[in-house]
Amino acid sequence: MITEIHPKLPMRNKALTLAYYQQLGFEPSGNADYDEYLMLKRDEIEIHFFAFPNLNPAENYGQVYIRTNQIDSLYQSFLDRQIAIHPNGPLQEKPWGQKEFSLLDPDNNLLTFGQSL
């Protein structure tokens, strides 16, 4: 039986990635600290990052879709903390039955947060 998924995204700078995701409410996960690997958790989700120092962010197509049951308050909390919302991804209702918004992390990984309408 499959029970969880932990997406793995590229990062150029571990400290920068950690600082950005901590602004989003994520905290380190696991018992060990690895030089070239980072595991972060918030609520019931976990995202892993692997070192890719030569990553060109303009060529990065990493994406994660994160479901929530409190889209409005999550969006507002990010606005309150002045976290940049993707220019094409403000909170809106989509024709596929989701209310969504998107962010880009420092390495151009796209984070889309969504809730069913």
N, C-alpha and C. Protein backbone atom coordinates (compact mmCIF):
# COMPACT_ATOMS: atom_id res chain seq x y z
N MET A 1 0.84 -1.18 0.00
CA MET A 1 0.00 0.00 0.00
C MET A 1 0.89 1.25 0.00
N ILE A 2 0.60 2.18 -0.86
CA ILE A 2 1.33 3.45 -0.91
C ILE A 2 0.68 4.40 0.09
N THR A 3 1.51 5.04 0.92
CA THR A 3 0.94 5.88 1.98
C THR A 3 1.38 7.34 1.95
N GLU A 4 2.50 7.67 1.34
CA GLU A 4 2.97 9.06 1.34
C GLU A 4 3.81 9.33 0.10
N ILE A 5 4.01 10.61 -0.17
CA ILE A 5 4.94 11.01 -1.21
C ILE A 5 5.75 12.19 -0.67
N HIS A 6 7.04 12.18 -0.95
CA HIS A 6 7.92 13.27 -0.55
C HIS A 6 8.65 13.74 -1.81
N PRO A 7 8.15 14.80 -2.45
CA PRO A 7 8.83 15.27 -3.66
C PRO A 7 10.25 15.73 -3.37
N LYS A 8 11.11 15.58 -4.35
CA LYS A 8 12.51 16.00 -4.26
C LYS A 8 12.74 17.08 -5.31
N LEU A 9 13.17 18.24 -4.84
CA LEU A 9 13.39 19.39 -5.70
C LEU A 9 14.85 19.83 -5.64
N PRO A 10 15.36 20.45 -6.69
CA PRO A 10 16.75 20.91 -6.68
C PRO A 10 16.90 22.21 -5.89
N MET A 11 18.08 22.37 -5.30
CA MET A 11 18.42 23.62 -4.60
C MET A 11 19.87 23.95 -4.90
N ARG A 12 20.15 25.24 -5.03
CA ARG A 12 21.53 25.68 -5.25
C ARG A 12 22.24 25.96 -3.93
N ASN A 13 21.50 26.46 -2.95
CA ASN A 13 22.09 26.90 -1.70
C ASN A 13 21.21 26.43 -0.54
N LYS A 14 21.72 25.53 0.26
CA LYS A 14 20.93 24.93 1.33
C LYS A 14 20.44 25.97 2.34
N ALA A 15 21.31 26.88 2.75
CA ALA A 15 20.93 27.89 3.75
C ALA A 15 19.82 28.80 3.21
N LEU A 16 19.93 29.20 1.95
CA LEU A 16 18.92 30.05 1.34
C LEU A 16 17.58 29.31 1.22
N THR A 17 17.64 28.06 0.81
CA THR A 17 16.42 27.25 0.69
C THR A 17 15.77 27.09 2.05
N LEU A 18 16.55 26.74 3.06
CA LEU A 18 16.01 26.59 4.42
C LEU A 18 15.36 27.88 4.90
N ALA A 19 16.02 29.01 4.73
CA ALA A 19 15.47 30.29 5.18
C ALA A 19 14.16 30.62 4.48
N TYR A 20 14.09 30.38 3.17
CA TYR A 20 12.86 30.67 2.42
C TYR A 20 11.70 29.80 2.94
N TYR A 21 11.94 28.52 3.05
CA TYR A 21 10.86 27.62 3.45
C TYR A 21 10.46 27.81 4.91
N GLN A 22 11.37 28.26 5.74
CA GLN A 22 10.99 28.58 7.12
C GLN A 22 10.03 29.76 7.14
N GLN A 23 10.18 30.70 6.21
CA GLN A 23 9.20 31.79 6.10
C GLN A 23 7.81 31.25 5.77
N LEU A 24 7.78 30.12 5.06
CA LEU A 24 6.50 29.50 4.70
C LEU A 24 5.96 28.61 5.82
N GLY A 25 6.70 28.47 6.90
CA GLY A 25 6.25 27.67 8.03
C GLY A 25 6.80 26.26 8.07
N PHE A 26 7.76 25.94 7.20
CA PHE A 26 8.38 24.62 7.19
C PHE A 26 9.53 24.59 8.20
N GLU A 27 9.79 23.41 8.73
CA GLU A 27 10.89 23.19 9.66
C GLU A 27 11.66 21.95 9.23
N PRO A 28 12.94 21.87 9.61
CA PRO A 28 13.72 20.68 9.27
C PRO A 28 13.07 19.40 9.81
N SER A 29 13.20 18.34 9.05
CA SER A 29 12.65 17.04 9.41
C SER A 29 13.80 16.03 9.46
N GLY A 30 13.66 15.02 10.29
CA GLY A 30 14.69 13.99 10.37
C GLY A 30 15.65 14.26 11.51
N ASN A 31 16.49 13.28 11.77
CA ASN A 31 17.42 13.35 12.90
C ASN A 31 18.83 13.73 12.50
N ALA A 32 19.10 13.85 11.21
CA ALA A 32 20.47 14.12 10.76
C ALA A 32 20.48 15.32 9.83
N ASP A 33 21.64 15.97 9.76
CA ASP A 33 21.85 17.10 8.86
C ASP A 33 22.85 16.66 7.79
N TYR A 34 22.42 16.67 6.55
CA TYR A 34 23.28 16.25 5.45
C TYR A 34 23.73 17.47 4.67
N ASP A 35 24.99 17.49 4.27
CA ASP A 35 25.54 18.64 3.56
C ASP A 35 24.78 18.96 2.27
N GLU A 36 24.42 17.95 1.53
CA GLU A 36 23.84 18.18 0.20
C GLU A 36 22.38 17.73 0.10
N TYR A 37 21.70 17.65 1.23
CA TYR A 37 20.32 17.19 1.22
C TYR A 37 19.57 17.89 2.33
N LEU A 38 18.31 18.23 2.09
CA LEU A 38 17.51 18.94 3.07
C LEU A 38 16.10 18.35 3.06
N MET A 39 15.58 18.08 4.25
CA MET A 39 14.22 17.57 4.39
C MET A 39 13.45 18.56 5.26
N LEU A 40 12.31 19.04 4.74
CA LEU A 40 11.51 20.02 5.44
C LEU A 40 10.07 19.54 5.56
N LYS A 41 9.44 19.91 6.67
CA LYS A 41 8.08 19.45 6.94
C LYS A 41 7.23 20.60 7.46
N ARG A 42 5.98 20.60 7.04
CA ARG A 42 4.97 21.48 7.59
C ARG A 42 3.68 20.68 7.64
N ASP A 43 3.06 20.67 8.80
CA ASP A 43 1.83 19.91 8.99
C ASP A 43 2.06 18.47 8.55
N GLU A 44 1.32 18.00 7.56
CA GLU A 44 1.41 16.60 7.15
C GLU A 44 2.20 16.38 5.87
N ILE A 45 2.88 17.42 5.38
CA ILE A 45 3.64 17.23 4.14
C ILE A 45 5.13 17.41 4.40
N GLU A 46 5.90 16.77 3.55
CA GLU A 46 7.35 16.84 3.62
C GLU A 46 7.88 17.03 2.21
N ILE A 47 8.84 17.95 2.07
CA ILE A 47 9.51 18.19 0.79
C ILE A 47 11.00 17.98 1.02
N HIS A 48 11.63 17.27 0.11
CA HIS A 48 13.07 17.04 0.17
C HIS A 48 13.75 17.86 -0.93
N PHE A 49 15.00 18.25 -0.68
CA PHE A 49 15.78 19.03 -1.62
C PHE A 49 17.15 18.40 -1.77
N PHE A 50 17.66 18.35 -2.98
CA PHE A 50 18.99 17.83 -3.23
C PHE A 50 19.86 18.95 -3.80
N ALA A 51 21.14 18.92 -3.47
CA ALA A 51 22.06 19.95 -3.93
C ALA A 51 22.25 19.86 -5.44
N PHE A 52 22.13 20.99 -6.07
CA PHE A 52 22.35 21.13 -7.51
C PHE A 52 22.97 22.52 -7.71
N PRO A 53 24.23 22.69 -7.32
CA PRO A 53 24.85 24.02 -7.31
C PRO A 53 24.93 24.69 -8.66
N ASN A 54 24.94 23.93 -9.73
CA ASN A 54 25.03 24.53 -11.07
C ASN A 54 23.67 24.72 -11.74
N LEU A 55 22.60 24.58 -10.97
CA LEU A 55 21.26 24.74 -11.51
C LEU A 55 21.08 26.15 -12.08
N ASN A 56 20.53 26.22 -13.26
CA ASN A 56 20.13 27.49 -13.85
C ASN A 56 18.63 27.63 -13.56
N PRO A 57 18.23 28.54 -12.65
CA PRO A 57 16.82 28.65 -12.30
C PRO A 57 15.90 28.85 -13.49
N ALA A 58 16.38 29.53 -14.53
CA ALA A 58 15.55 29.75 -15.72
C ALA A 58 15.24 28.45 -16.46
N GLU A 59 16.01 27.40 -16.17
CA GLU A 59 15.80 26.11 -16.82
C GLU A 59 15.23 25.07 -15.86
N ASN A 60 14.80 25.50 -14.69
CA ASN A 60 14.26 24.58 -13.70
C ASN A 60 12.74 24.50 -13.83
N TYR A 61 12.24 23.29 -13.96
CA TYR A 61 10.81 23.09 -14.08
C TYR A 61 10.25 22.30 -12.91
N GLY A 62 10.94 22.33 -11.76
CA GLY A 62 10.45 21.64 -10.57
C GLY A 62 9.12 22.22 -10.13
N GLN A 63 8.18 21.34 -9.83
CA GLN A 63 6.84 21.77 -9.43
C GLN A 63 6.27 20.83 -8.38
N VAL A 64 5.50 21.41 -7.47
CA VAL A 64 4.79 20.63 -6.45
C VAL A 64 3.40 21.23 -6.28
N TYR A 65 2.40 20.37 -6.20
CA TYR A 65 1.03 20.81 -5.92
C TYR A 65 0.72 20.40 -4.49
N ILE A 66 0.40 21.37 -3.65
CA ILE A 66 0.18 21.13 -2.22
C ILE A 66 -1.28 21.42 -1.90
N ARG A 67 -1.97 20.42 -1.43
CA ARG A 67 -3.38 20.59 -1.06
C ARG A 67 -3.50 21.12 0.36
N THR A 68 -4.51 21.96 0.56
CA THR A 68 -4.79 22.52 1.87
C THR A 68 -6.31 22.57 2.07
N ASN A 69 -6.72 22.68 3.31
CA ASN A 69 -8.15 22.85 3.58
C ASN A 69 -8.41 24.24 4.17
N GLN A 70 -7.40 25.12 4.08
CA GLN A 70 -7.54 26.49 4.57
C GLN A 70 -6.83 27.46 3.62
N ILE A 71 -7.23 27.44 2.36
CA ILE A 71 -6.53 28.20 1.32
C ILE A 71 -6.54 29.70 1.58
N ASP A 72 -7.69 30.23 2.01
CA ASP A 72 -7.79 31.67 2.21
C ASP A 72 -6.87 32.16 3.32
N SER A 73 -6.87 31.47 4.45
CA SER A 73 -6.02 31.91 5.57
C SER A 73 -4.54 31.67 5.27
N LEU A 74 -4.22 30.60 4.55
CA LEU A 74 -2.82 30.34 4.17
C LEU A 74 -2.32 31.45 3.25
N TYR A 75 -3.12 31.79 2.25
CA TYR A 75 -2.77 32.86 1.32
C TYR A 75 -2.55 34.18 2.07
N GLN A 76 -3.49 34.51 2.95
CA GLN A 76 -3.38 35.75 3.70
C GLN A 76 -2.15 35.76 4.60
N SER A 77 -1.83 34.61 5.19
CA SER A 77 -0.65 34.55 6.06
C SER A 77 0.63 34.82 5.25
N PHE A 78 0.69 34.34 4.01
CA PHE A 78 1.85 34.61 3.17
C PHE A 78 1.89 36.09 2.78
N LEU A 79 0.74 36.67 2.46
CA LEU A 79 0.71 38.09 2.15
C LEU A 79 1.16 38.92 3.35
N ASP A 80 0.68 38.54 4.53
CA ASP A 80 1.04 39.26 5.76
C ASP A 80 2.55 39.22 6.02
N ARG A 81 3.20 38.13 5.61
CA ARG A 81 4.65 37.99 5.78
C ARG A 81 5.42 38.50 4.58
N GLN A 82 4.70 39.14 3.65
CA GLN A 82 5.28 39.73 2.44
C GLN A 82 6.04 38.71 1.61
N ILE A 83 5.51 37.50 1.53
CA ILE A 83 6.06 36.47 0.66
C ILE A 83 5.53 36.71 -0.75
N ALA A 84 6.43 36.77 -1.70
CA ALA A 84 6.04 37.09 -3.08
C ALA A 84 5.17 35.98 -3.67
N ILE A 85 4.04 36.38 -4.19
CA ILE A 85 3.13 35.47 -4.90
C ILE A 85 3.56 35.50 -6.38
N HIS A 86 3.51 34.34 -7.03
CA HIS A 86 3.86 34.27 -8.45
C HIS A 86 3.01 35.29 -9.21
N PRO A 87 3.61 36.06 -10.13
CA PRO A 87 2.84 37.08 -10.86
C PRO A 87 1.64 36.52 -11.62
N ASN A 88 1.73 35.27 -12.05
CA ASN A 88 0.60 34.65 -12.75
C ASN A 88 -0.20 33.73 -11.84
N GLY A 89 0.04 33.82 -10.52
CA GLY A 89 -0.58 32.85 -9.63
C GLY A 89 -1.25 33.41 -8.40
N PRO A 90 -1.98 34.55 -8.50
CA PRO A 90 -2.69 35.00 -7.32
C PRO A 90 -3.85 34.06 -7.00
N LEU A 91 -4.37 34.17 -5.81
CA LEU A 91 -5.48 33.31 -5.39
C LEU A 91 -6.67 33.51 -6.31
N GLN A 92 -7.11 32.40 -6.89
CA GLN A 92 -8.28 32.46 -7.78
C GLN A 92 -8.92 31.09 -7.93
N GLU A 93 -10.20 31.11 -8.28
CA GLU A 93 -10.93 29.88 -8.56
C GLU A 93 -10.64 29.45 -9.99
N LYS A 94 -10.33 28.17 -10.14
CA LYS A 94 -9.99 27.63 -11.46
C LYS A 94 -11.15 26.81 -12.02
N PRO A 95 -11.24 26.71 -13.34
CA PRO A 95 -12.34 25.96 -13.95
C PRO A 95 -12.32 24.47 -13.62
N TRP A 96 -11.20 23.95 -13.12
CA TRP A 96 -11.12 22.53 -12.79
C TRP A 96 -11.53 22.25 -11.34
N GLY A 97 -12.19 23.23 -10.69
CA GLY A 97 -12.78 22.98 -9.38
C GLY A 97 -11.84 23.17 -8.21
N GLN A 98 -10.79 23.96 -8.41
CA GLN A 98 -9.83 24.24 -7.34
C GLN A 98 -9.72 25.75 -7.14
N LYS A 99 -9.43 26.14 -5.91
CA LYS A 99 -9.02 27.51 -5.60
C LYS A 99 -7.53 27.42 -5.34
N GLU A 100 -6.73 28.22 -6.06
CA GLU A 100 -5.28 28.03 -6.05
C GLU A 100 -4.52 29.35 -6.01
N PHE A 101 -3.27 29.25 -5.57
CA PHE A 101 -2.28 30.31 -5.75
C PHE A 101 -0.92 29.65 -5.85
N SER A 102 0.08 30.39 -6.35
CA SER A 102 1.40 29.81 -6.59
C SER A 102 2.52 30.75 -6.12
N LEU A 103 3.64 30.12 -5.76
CA LEU A 103 4.86 30.80 -5.37
C LEU A 103 6.02 30.21 -6.17
N LEU A 104 7.09 30.98 -6.30
CA LEU A 104 8.34 30.47 -6.84
C LEU A 104 9.39 30.57 -5.75
N ASP A 105 10.08 29.47 -5.46
CA ASP A 105 11.13 29.53 -4.45
C ASP A 105 12.41 30.10 -5.08
N PRO A 106 13.47 30.27 -4.31
CA PRO A 106 14.70 30.90 -4.85
C PRO A 106 15.33 30.17 -6.04
N ASP A 107 14.98 28.89 -6.24
CA ASP A 107 15.54 28.13 -7.35
C ASP A 107 14.55 27.94 -8.49
N ASN A 108 13.45 28.68 -8.42
CA ASN A 108 12.42 28.65 -9.46
C ASN A 108 11.56 27.39 -9.42
N ASN A 109 11.54 26.69 -8.29
CA ASN A 109 10.60 25.59 -8.11
C ASN A 109 9.22 26.21 -7.89
N LEU A 110 8.23 25.74 -8.63
CA LEU A 110 6.87 26.26 -8.53
C LEU A 110 6.11 25.50 -7.46
N LEU A 111 5.59 26.24 -6.49
CA LEU A 111 4.75 25.66 -5.43
C LEU A 111 3.33 26.16 -5.67
N THR A 112 2.42 25.27 -5.98
CA THR A 112 1.02 25.64 -6.14
C THR A 112 0.24 25.05 -4.98
N PHE A 113 -0.53 25.90 -4.31
CA PHE A 113 -1.36 25.49 -3.18
C PHE A 113 -2.79 25.49 -3.68
N GLY A 114 -3.53 24.43 -3.37
CA GLY A 114 -4.89 24.33 -3.87
C GLY A 114 -5.85 23.71 -2.89
N GLN A 115 -7.10 24.10 -3.01
CA GLN A 115 -8.20 23.54 -2.21
C GLN A 115 -9.38 23.30 -3.13
N SER A 116 -10.03 22.18 -2.96
CA SER A 116 -11.22 21.88 -3.75
C SER A 116 -12.34 22.85 -3.42
N LEU A 117 -13.05 23.26 -4.46
CA LEU A 117 -14.20 24.16 -4.26
C LEU A 117 -15.39 23.39 -3.75
